Amino acid sequence: MYLDSAKKQEIFEKYGKSATDTGTAESQIALFSFRINHLTEHLKKNQKDFNTERSLKMLVGKRRRLLDYLIKVDIERYRAIIKELGIRK
């Protein structure tokens, strides 16, 4: 599988407060971004995979809601994660 526990731990270690920090908005946004990038590449090869397309849209919505939450709570954390991941609105 493309996302094993070692890769998840690496993402949480890089973007969260620690390797076991799986709940902060930044770590969740980073994980969703990784999954979104993977599904985007999959859909470039398989245009008629509508189930994956729906899953991708749902993930983008989840990430968007987390980013909106982060804007309300702390704009500096939002700007930092956007810059680090290269996400633009």
PDB file of N, CA and C in Angstrom:
ATOM      1  N   MET A   1       0.839  -1.184   0.000  1.00  0.00           N
ATOM      2  CA  MET A   1       0.000   0.000   0.000  1.00  0.00           C
ATOM      3  C   MET A   1       0.880   1.242   0.000  1.00  0.00           C
ATOM      4  N   TYR A   2       0.395   2.299  -0.563  1.00  0.00           N
ATOM      5  CA  TYR A   2       1.184   3.508  -0.713  1.00  0.00           C
ATOM      6  C   TYR A   2       1.404   4.237   0.598  1.00  0.00           C
ATOM      7  N   LEU A   3       0.536   4.027   1.582  1.00  0.00           N
ATOM      8  CA  LEU A   3       0.635   4.744   2.844  1.00  0.00           C
ATOM      9  C   LEU A   3       0.685   3.739   3.999  1.00  0.00           C
ATOM     10  N   ASP A   4       1.890   3.355   4.374  1.00  0.00           N
ATOM     11  CA  ASP A   4       2.026   2.421   5.489  1.00  0.00           C
ATOM     12  C   ASP A   4       2.254   3.197   6.785  1.00  0.00           C
ATOM     13  N   SER A   5       2.352   2.477   7.873  1.00  0.00           N
ATOM     14  CA  SER A   5       2.460   3.139   9.175  1.00  0.00           C
ATOM     15  C   SER A   5       3.762   3.918   9.311  1.00  0.00           C
ATOM     16  N   ALA A   6       4.834   3.458   8.671  1.00  0.00           N
ATOM     17  CA  ALA A   6       6.105   4.179   8.740  1.00  0.00           C
ATOM     18  C   ALA A   6       5.998   5.541   8.041  1.00  0.00           C
ATOM     19  N   LYS A   7       5.309   5.566   6.901  1.00  0.00           N
ATOM     20  CA  LYS A   7       5.138   6.825   6.170  1.00  0.00           C
ATOM     21  C   LYS A   7       4.252   7.786   6.962  1.00  0.00           C
ATOM     22  N   LYS A   8       3.190   7.268   7.584  1.00  0.00           N
ATOM     23  CA  LYS A   8       2.326   8.102   8.416  1.00  0.00           C
ATOM     24  C   LYS A   8       3.113   8.702   9.573  1.00  0.00           C
ATOM     25  N   GLN A   9       3.916   7.872  10.228  1.00  0.00           N
ATOM     26  CA  GLN A   9       4.701   8.344  11.363  1.00  0.00           C
ATOM     27  C   GLN A   9       5.676   9.425  10.917  1.00  0.00           C
ATOM     28  N   GLU A  10       6.263   9.266   9.738  1.00  0.00           N
ATOM     29  CA  GLU A  10       7.180  10.274   9.202  1.00  0.00           C
ATOM     30  C   GLU A  10       6.453  11.607   8.956  1.00  0.00           C
ATOM     31  N   ILE A  11       5.249  11.538   8.417  1.00  0.00           N
ATOM     32  CA  ILE A  11       4.464  12.749   8.171  1.00  0.00           C
ATOM     33  C   ILE A  11       4.101  13.420   9.486  1.00  0.00           C
ATOM     34  N   PHE A  12       3.641  12.625  10.466  1.00  0.00           N
ATOM     35  CA  PHE A  12       3.264  13.196  11.759  1.00  0.00           C
ATOM     36  C   PHE A  12       4.474  13.774  12.482  1.00  0.00           C
ATOM     37  N   GLU A  13       5.634  13.141  12.314  1.00  0.00           N
ATOM     38  CA  GLU A  13       6.851  13.636  12.953  1.00  0.00           C
ATOM     39  C   GLU A  13       7.272  14.973  12.353  1.00  0.00           C
ATOM     40  N   LYS A  14       7.117  15.105  11.042  1.00  0.00           N
ATOM     41  CA  LYS A  14       7.557  16.318  10.357  1.00  0.00           C
ATOM     42  C   LYS A  14       6.609  17.495  10.603  1.00  0.00           C
ATOM     43  N   TYR A  15       5.307  17.248  10.538  1.00  0.00           N
ATOM     44  CA  TYR A  15       4.345  18.344  10.607  1.00  0.00           C
ATOM     45  C   TYR A  15       3.656  18.486  11.957  1.00  0.00           C
ATOM     46  N   GLY A  16       3.655  17.435  12.774  1.00  0.00           N
ATOM     47  CA  GLY A  16       3.033  17.510  14.084  1.00  0.00           C
ATOM     48  C   GLY A  16       4.040  17.944  15.131  1.00  0.00           C
ATOM     49  N   LYS A  17       3.616  17.885  16.376  1.00  0.00           N
ATOM     50  CA  LYS A  17       4.506  18.250  17.477  1.00  0.00           C
ATOM     51  C   LYS A  17       5.461  17.114  17.820  1.00  0.00           C
ATOM     52  N   SER A  18       5.047  15.870  17.573  1.00  0.00           N
ATOM     53  CA  SER A  18       5.892  14.703  17.806  1.00  0.00           C
ATOM     54  C   SER A  18       5.452  13.592  16.860  1.00  0.00           C
ATOM     55  N   ALA A  19       6.123  12.456  16.954  1.00  0.00           N
ATOM     56  CA  ALA A  19       5.785  11.336  16.065  1.00  0.00           C
ATOM     57  C   ALA A  19       4.426  10.738  16.391  1.00  0.00           C
ATOM     58  N   THR A  20       3.996  10.886  17.650  1.00  0.00           N
ATOM     59  CA  THR A  20       2.704  10.318  18.043  1.00  0.00           C
ATOM     60  C   THR A  20       1.583  11.346  18.004  1.00  0.00           C
ATOM     61  N   ASP A  21       1.871  12.551  17.556  1.00  0.00           N
ATOM     62  CA  ASP A  21       0.881  13.622  17.493  1.00  0.00           C
ATOM     63  C   ASP A  21       0.085  13.486  16.206  1.00  0.00           C
ATOM     64  N   THR A  22      -1.063  12.811  16.291  1.00  0.00           N
ATOM     65  CA  THR A  22      -1.856  12.555  15.094  1.00  0.00           C
ATOM     66  C   THR A  22      -3.105  13.419  15.024  1.00  0.00           C
ATOM     67  N   GLY A  23      -3.352  14.230  16.035  1.00  0.00           N
ATOM     68  CA  GLY A  23      -4.618  14.934  16.099  1.00  0.00           C
ATOM     69  C   GLY A  23      -4.592  16.395  15.743  1.00  0.00           C
ATOM     70  N   THR A  24      -3.428  17.016  15.700  1.00  0.00           N
ATOM     71  CA  THR A  24      -3.413  18.449  15.402  1.00  0.00           C
ATOM     72  C   THR A  24      -3.820  18.694  13.959  1.00  0.00           C
ATOM     73  N   ALA A  25      -4.312  19.876  13.722  1.00  0.00           N
ATOM     74  CA  ALA A  25      -4.794  20.225  12.391  1.00  0.00           C
ATOM     75  C   ALA A  25      -3.666  20.156  11.365  1.00  0.00           C
ATOM     76  N   GLU A  26      -2.482  20.602  11.743  1.00  0.00           N
ATOM     77  CA  GLU A  26      -1.358  20.598  10.799  1.00  0.00           C
ATOM     78  C   GLU A  26      -1.001  19.178  10.350  1.00  0.00           C
ATOM     79  N   SER A  27      -0.959  18.247  11.291  1.00  0.00           N
ATOM     80  CA  SER A  27      -0.606  16.878  10.921  1.00  0.00           C
ATOM     81  C   SER A  27      -1.693  16.241  10.073  1.00  0.00           C
ATOM     82  N   GLN A  28      -2.958  16.519  10.375  1.00  0.00           N
ATOM     83  CA  GLN A  28      -4.047  15.980   9.569  1.00  0.00           C
ATOM     84  C   GLN A  28      -4.042  16.573   8.161  1.00  0.00           C
ATOM     85  N   ILE A  29      -3.785  17.868   8.056  1.00  0.00           N
ATOM     86  CA  ILE A  29      -3.725  18.531   6.745  1.00  0.00           C
ATOM     87  C   ILE A  29      -2.591  17.938   5.921  1.00  0.00           C
ATOM     88  N   ALA A  30      -1.438  17.693   6.550  1.00  0.00           N
ATOM     89  CA  ALA A  30      -0.304  17.102   5.838  1.00  0.00           C
ATOM     90  C   ALA A  30      -0.641  15.695   5.346  1.00  0.00           C
ATOM     91  N   LEU A  31      -1.307  14.906   6.178  1.00  0.00           N
ATOM     92  CA  LEU A  31      -1.690  13.558   5.781  1.00  0.00           C
ATOM     93  C   LEU A  31      -2.695  13.595   4.629  1.00  0.00           C
ATOM     94  N   PHE A  32      -3.693  14.466   4.726  1.00  0.00           N
ATOM     95  CA  PHE A  32      -4.674  14.593   3.653  1.00  0.00           C
ATOM     96  C   PHE A  32      -3.998  15.045   2.360  1.00  0.00           C
ATOM     97  N   SER A  33      -3.032  15.951   2.458  1.00  0.00           N
ATOM     98  CA  SER A  33      -2.338  16.437   1.266  1.00  0.00           C
ATOM     99  C   SER A  33      -1.561  15.309   0.593  1.00  0.00           C
ATOM    100  N   PHE A  34      -0.924  14.460   1.388  1.00  0.00           N
ATOM    101  CA  PHE A  34      -0.205  13.318   0.830  1.00  0.00           C
ATOM    102  C   PHE A  34      -1.166  12.397   0.091  1.00  0.00           C
ATOM    103  N   ARG A  35      -2.301  12.108   0.716  1.00  0.00           N
ATOM    104  CA  ARG A  35      -3.284  11.230   0.091  1.00  0.00           C
ATOM    105  C   ARG A  35      -3.887  11.869  -1.164  1.00  0.00           C
ATOM    106  N   ILE A  36      -4.133  13.177  -1.124  1.00  0.00           N
ATOM    107  CA  ILE A  36      -4.684  13.885  -2.282  1.00  0.00           C
ATOM    108  C   ILE A  36      -3.717  13.817  -3.450  1.00  0.00           C
ATOM    109  N   ASN A  37      -2.424  14.027  -3.190  1.00  0.00           N
ATOM    110  CA  ASN A  37      -1.428  13.952  -4.262  1.00  0.00           C
ATOM    111  C   ASN A  37      -1.378  12.555  -4.874  1.00  0.00           C
ATOM    112  N   HIS A  38      -1.482  11.535  -4.033  1.00  0.00           N
ATOM    113  CA  HIS A  38      -1.458  10.160  -4.541  1.00  0.00           C
ATOM    114  C   HIS A  38      -2.689   9.877  -5.410  1.00  0.00           C
ATOM    115  N   LEU A  39      -3.862  10.275  -4.942  1.00  0.00           N
ATOM    116  CA  LEU A  39      -5.086  10.020  -5.705  1.00  0.00           C
ATOM    117  C   LEU A  39      -5.114  10.825  -7.005  1.00  0.00           C
ATOM    118  N   THR A  40      -4.533  12.002  -6.986  1.00  0.00           N
ATOM    119  CA  THR A  40      -4.464  12.812  -8.201  1.00  0.00           C
ATOM    120  C   THR A  40      -3.625  12.118  -9.269  1.00  0.00           C
ATOM    121  N   GLU A  41      -2.490  11.564  -8.863  1.00  0.00           N
ATOM    122  CA  GLU A  41      -1.656  10.824  -9.804  1.00  0.00           C
ATOM    123  C   GLU A  41      -2.385   9.582 -10.320  1.00  0.00           C
ATOM    124  N   HIS A  42      -3.124   8.910  -9.451  1.00  0.00           N
ATOM    125  CA  HIS A  42      -3.885   7.730  -9.860  1.00  0.00           C
ATOM    126  C   HIS A  42      -4.939   8.107 -10.904  1.00  0.00           C
ATOM    127  N   LEU A  43      -5.614   9.234 -10.682  1.00  0.00           N
ATOM    128  CA  LEU A  43      -6.675   9.640 -11.610  1.00  0.00           C
ATOM    129  C   LEU A  43      -6.132  10.124 -12.950  1.00  0.00           C
ATOM    130  N   LYS A  44      -4.876  10.560 -12.988  1.00  0.00           N
ATOM    131  CA  LYS A  44      -4.281  10.932 -14.272  1.00  0.00           C
ATOM    132  C   LYS A  44      -4.136   9.713 -15.175  1.00  0.00           C
ATOM    133  N   LYS A  45      -3.898   8.550 -14.550  1.00  0.00           N
ATOM    134  CA  LYS A  45      -3.745   7.312 -15.319  1.00  0.00           C
ATOM    135  C   LYS A  45      -5.082   6.625 -15.562  1.00  0.00           C
ATOM    136  N   ASN A  46      -6.038   6.782 -14.644  1.00  0.00           N
ATOM    137  CA  ASN A  46      -7.315   6.083 -14.706  1.00  0.00           C
ATOM    138  C   ASN A  46      -8.459   7.101 -14.667  1.00  0.00           C
ATOM    139  N   GLN A  47      -8.744   7.705 -15.806  1.00  0.00           N
ATOM    140  CA  GLN A  47      -9.724   8.787 -15.854  1.00  0.00           C
ATOM    141  C   GLN A  47     -11.137   8.328 -15.521  1.00  0.00           C
ATOM    142  N   LYS A  48     -11.459   7.081 -15.741  1.00  0.00           N
ATOM    143  CA  LYS A  48     -12.837   6.614 -15.546  1.00  0.00           C
ATOM    144  C   LYS A  48     -13.080   6.000 -14.174  1.00  0.00           C
ATOM    145  N   ASP A  49     -12.156   6.167 -13.260  1.00  0.00           N
ATOM    146  CA  ASP A  49     -12.307   5.640 -11.906  1.00  0.00           C
ATOM    147  C   ASP A  49     -13.093   6.651 -11.075  1.00  0.00           C
ATOM    148  N   PHE A  50     -14.404   6.556 -11.152  1.00  0.00           N
ATOM    149  CA  PHE A  50     -15.269   7.564 -10.546  1.00  0.00           C
ATOM    150  C   PHE A  50     -15.347   7.426  -9.027  1.00  0.00           C
ATOM    151  N   ASN A  51     -15.147   6.230  -8.509  1.00  0.00           N
ATOM    152  CA  ASN A  51     -15.141   6.040  -7.064  1.00  0.00           C
ATOM    153  C   ASN A  51     -13.952   6.779  -6.436  1.00  0.00           C
ATOM    154  N   THR A  52     -12.800   6.669  -7.064  1.00  0.00           N
ATOM    155  CA  THR A  52     -11.622   7.381  -6.574  1.00  0.00           C
ATOM    156  C   THR A  52     -11.803   8.885  -6.732  1.00  0.00           C
ATOM    157  N   GLU A  53     -12.454   9.295  -7.789  1.00  0.00           N
ATOM    158  CA  GLU A  53     -12.713  10.720  -7.993  1.00  0.00           C
ATOM    159  C   GLU A  53     -13.587  11.280  -6.874  1.00  0.00           C
ATOM    160  N   ARG A  54     -14.582  10.517  -6.481  1.00  0.00           N
ATOM    161  CA  ARG A  54     -15.455  10.941  -5.378  1.00  0.00           C
ATOM    162  C   ARG A  54     -14.670  11.004  -4.072  1.00  0.00           C
ATOM    163  N   SER A  55     -13.826  10.010  -3.835  1.00  0.00           N
ATOM    164  CA  SER A  55     -13.001   9.992  -2.627  1.00  0.00           C
ATOM    165  C   SER A  55     -12.053  11.186  -2.586  1.00  0.00           C
ATOM    166  N   LEU A  56     -11.517  11.524  -3.738  1.00  0.00           N
ATOM    167  CA  LEU A  56     -10.618  12.676  -3.822  1.00  0.00           C
ATOM    168  C   LEU A  56     -11.355  13.963  -3.470  1.00  0.00           C
ATOM    169  N   LYS A  57     -12.554  14.116  -3.999  1.00  0.00           N
ATOM    170  CA  LYS A  57     -13.335  15.316  -3.701  1.00  0.00           C
ATOM    171  C   LYS A  57     -13.678  15.404  -2.213  1.00  0.00           C
ATOM    172  N   MET A  58     -13.971  14.271  -1.601  1.00  0.00           N
ATOM    173  CA  MET A  58     -14.276  14.265  -0.172  1.00  0.00           C
ATOM    174  C   MET A  58     -13.042  14.634   0.650  1.00  0.00           C
ATOM    175  N   LEU A  59     -11.881  14.136   0.258  1.00  0.00           N
ATOM    176  CA  LEU A  59     -10.644  14.472   0.966  1.00  0.00           C
ATOM    177  C   LEU A  59     -10.311  15.952   0.840  1.00  0.00           C
ATOM    178  N   VAL A  60     -10.509  16.502  -0.346  1.00  0.00           N
ATOM    179  CA  VAL A  60     -10.251  17.929  -0.552  1.00  0.00           C
ATOM    180  C   VAL A  60     -11.181  18.753   0.335  1.00  0.00           C
ATOM    181  N   GLY A  61     -12.431  18.331   0.464  1.00  0.00           N
ATOM    182  CA  GLY A  61     -13.377  19.030   1.333  1.00  0.00           C
ATOM    183  C   GLY A  61     -12.979  18.961   2.796  1.00  0.00           C
ATOM    184  N   LYS A  62     -12.513  17.790   3.242  1.00  0.00           N
ATOM    185  CA  LYS A  62     -12.057  17.643   4.624  1.00  0.00           C
ATOM    186  C   LYS A  62     -10.874  18.563   4.898  1.00  0.00           C
ATOM    187  N   ARG A  63      -9.931  18.577   3.953  1.00  0.00           N
ATOM    188  CA  ARG A  63      -8.751  19.431   4.128  1.00  0.00           C
ATOM    189  C   ARG A  63      -9.141  20.896   4.139  1.00  0.00           C
ATOM    190  N   ARG A  64     -10.091  21.255   3.282  1.00  0.00           N
ATOM    191  CA  ARG A  64     -10.539  22.647   3.225  1.00  0.00           C
ATOM    192  C   ARG A  64     -11.176  23.066   4.550  1.00  0.00           C
ATOM    193  N   ARG A  65     -11.994  22.185   5.140  1.00  0.00           N
ATOM    194  CA  ARG A  65     -12.628  22.494   6.420  1.00  0.00           C
ATOM    195  C   ARG A  65     -11.593  22.645   7.528  1.00  0.00           C
ATOM    196  N   LEU A  66     -10.573  21.797   7.518  1.00  0.00           N
ATOM    197  CA  LEU A  66      -9.513  21.927   8.518  1.00  0.00           C
ATOM    198  C   LEU A  66      -8.739  23.228   8.331  1.00  0.00           C
ATOM    199  N   LEU A  67      -8.480  23.599   7.095  1.00  0.00           N
ATOM    200  CA  LEU A  67      -7.780  24.854   6.831  1.00  0.00           C
ATOM    201  C   LEU A  67      -8.623  26.045   7.264  1.00  0.00           C
ATOM    202  N   ASP A  68      -9.940  25.989   7.025  1.00  0.00           N
ATOM    203  CA  ASP A  68     -10.827  27.065   7.480  1.00  0.00           C
ATOM    204  C   ASP A  68     -10.832  27.168   8.996  1.00  0.00           C
ATOM    205  N   TYR A  69     -10.817  26.019   9.669  1.00  0.00           N
ATOM    206  CA  TYR A  69     -10.752  26.008  11.130  1.00  0.00           C
ATOM    207  C   TYR A  69      -9.452  26.650  11.606  1.00  0.00           C
ATOM    208  N   LEU A  70      -8.356  26.317  10.941  1.00  0.00           N
ATOM    209  CA  LEU A  70      -7.061  26.848  11.335  1.00  0.00           C
ATOM    210  C   LEU A  70      -6.988  28.362  11.126  1.00  0.00           C
ATOM    211  N   ILE A  71      -7.661  28.864  10.100  1.00  0.00           N
ATOM    212  CA  ILE A  71      -7.704  30.318   9.886  1.00  0.00           C
ATOM    213  C   ILE A  71      -8.381  30.992  11.070  1.00  0.00           C
ATOM    214  N   LYS A  72      -9.495  30.421  11.524  1.00  0.00           N
ATOM    215  CA  LYS A  72     -10.236  31.015  12.636  1.00  0.00           C
ATOM    216  C   LYS A  72      -9.451  30.966  13.937  1.00  0.00           C
ATOM    217  N   VAL A  73      -8.752  29.859  14.172  1.00  0.00           N
ATOM    218  CA  VAL A  73      -8.070  29.661  15.447  1.00  0.00           C
ATOM    219  C   VAL A  73      -6.748  30.425  15.507  1.00  0.00           C
ATOM    220  N   ASP A  74      -5.889  30.233  14.491  1.00  0.00           N
ATOM    221  CA  ASP A  74      -4.562  30.843  14.520  1.00  0.00           C
ATOM    222  C   ASP A  74      -4.070  31.041  13.092  1.00  0.00           C
ATOM    223  N   ILE A  75      -4.099  32.291  12.629  1.00  0.00           N
ATOM    224  CA  ILE A  75      -3.746  32.602  11.244  1.00  0.00           C
ATOM    225  C   ILE A  75      -2.273  32.321  10.953  1.00  0.00           C
ATOM    226  N   GLU A  76      -1.409  32.449  11.947  1.00  0.00           N
ATOM    227  CA  GLU A  76       0.024  32.202  11.733  1.00  0.00           C
ATOM    228  C   GLU A  76       0.298  30.715  11.482  1.00  0.00           C
ATOM    229  N   ARG A  77      -0.379  29.842  12.220  1.00  0.00           N
ATOM    230  CA  ARG A  77      -0.231  28.405  11.979  1.00  0.00           C
ATOM    231  C   ARG A  77      -0.738  28.050  10.584  1.00  0.00           C
ATOM    232  N   TYR A  78      -1.827  28.699  10.167  1.00  0.00           N
ATOM    233  CA  TYR A  78      -2.378  28.478   8.828  1.00  0.00           C
ATOM    234  C   TYR A  78      -1.363  28.874   7.757  1.00  0.00           C
ATOM    235  N   ARG A  79      -0.802  30.061   7.908  1.00  0.00           N
ATOM    236  CA  ARG A  79       0.176  30.537   6.913  1.00  0.00           C
ATOM    237  C   ARG A  79       1.400  29.633   6.858  1.00  0.00           C
ATOM    238  N   ALA A  80       1.837  29.148   8.019  1.00  0.00           N
ATOM    239  CA  ALA A  80       3.014  28.279   8.066  1.00  0.00           C
ATOM    240  C   ALA A  80       2.759  26.961   7.340  1.00  0.00           C
ATOM    241  N   ILE A  81       1.610  26.346   7.577  1.00  0.00           N
ATOM    242  CA  ILE A  81       1.336  25.047   6.952  1.00  0.00           C
ATOM    243  C   ILE A  81       1.089  25.208   5.449  1.00  0.00           C
ATOM    244  N   ILE A  82       0.461  26.288   5.046  1.00  0.00           N
ATOM    245  CA  ILE A  82       0.236  26.546   3.615  1.00  0.00           C
ATOM    246  C   ILE A  82       1.578  26.699   2.892  1.00  0.00           C
ATOM    247  N   LYS A  83       2.458  27.463   3.510  1.00  0.00           N
ATOM    248  CA  LYS A  83       3.777  27.691   2.899  1.00  0.00           C
ATOM    249  C   LYS A  83       4.601  26.407   2.853  1.00  0.00           C
ATOM    250  N   GLU A  84       4.547  25.632   3.931  1.00  0.00           N
ATOM    251  CA  GLU A  84       5.342  24.417   4.010  1.00  0.00           C
ATOM    252  C   GLU A  84       4.864  23.346   3.031  1.00  0.00           C
ATOM    253  N   LEU A  85       3.557  23.231   2.864  1.00  0.00           N
ATOM    254  CA  LEU A  85       3.015  22.199   1.966  1.00  0.00           C
ATOM    255  C   LEU A  85       2.866  22.690   0.526  1.00  0.00           C
ATOM    256  N   GLY A  86       2.933  23.989   0.325  1.00  0.00           N
ATOM    257  CA  GLY A  86       2.781  24.523  -1.028  1.00  0.00           C
ATOM    258  C   GLY A  86       1.335  24.520  -1.506  1.00  0.00           C
ATOM    259  N   ILE A  87       0.405  24.653  -0.563  1.00  0.00           N
ATOM    260  CA  ILE A  87      -1.022  24.693  -0.906  1.00  0.00           C
ATOM    261  C   ILE A  87      -1.403  26.150  -1.147  1.00  0.00           C
ATOM    262  N   ARG A  88      -2.205  26.369  -2.145  1.00  0.00           N
ATOM    263  CA  ARG A  88      -2.700  27.733  -2.373  1.00  0.00           C
ATOM    264  C   ARG A  88      -4.213  27.702  -2.418  1.00  0.00           C
ATOM    265  N   LYS A  89      -4.805  28.805  -2.033  1.00  0.00           N
ATOM    266  CA  LYS A  89      -6.258  28.859  -2.012  1.00  0.00           C
ATOM    267  C   LYS A  89      -6.771  29.483  -3.292  1.00  0.00           C
TER     268      LYS A  89
END
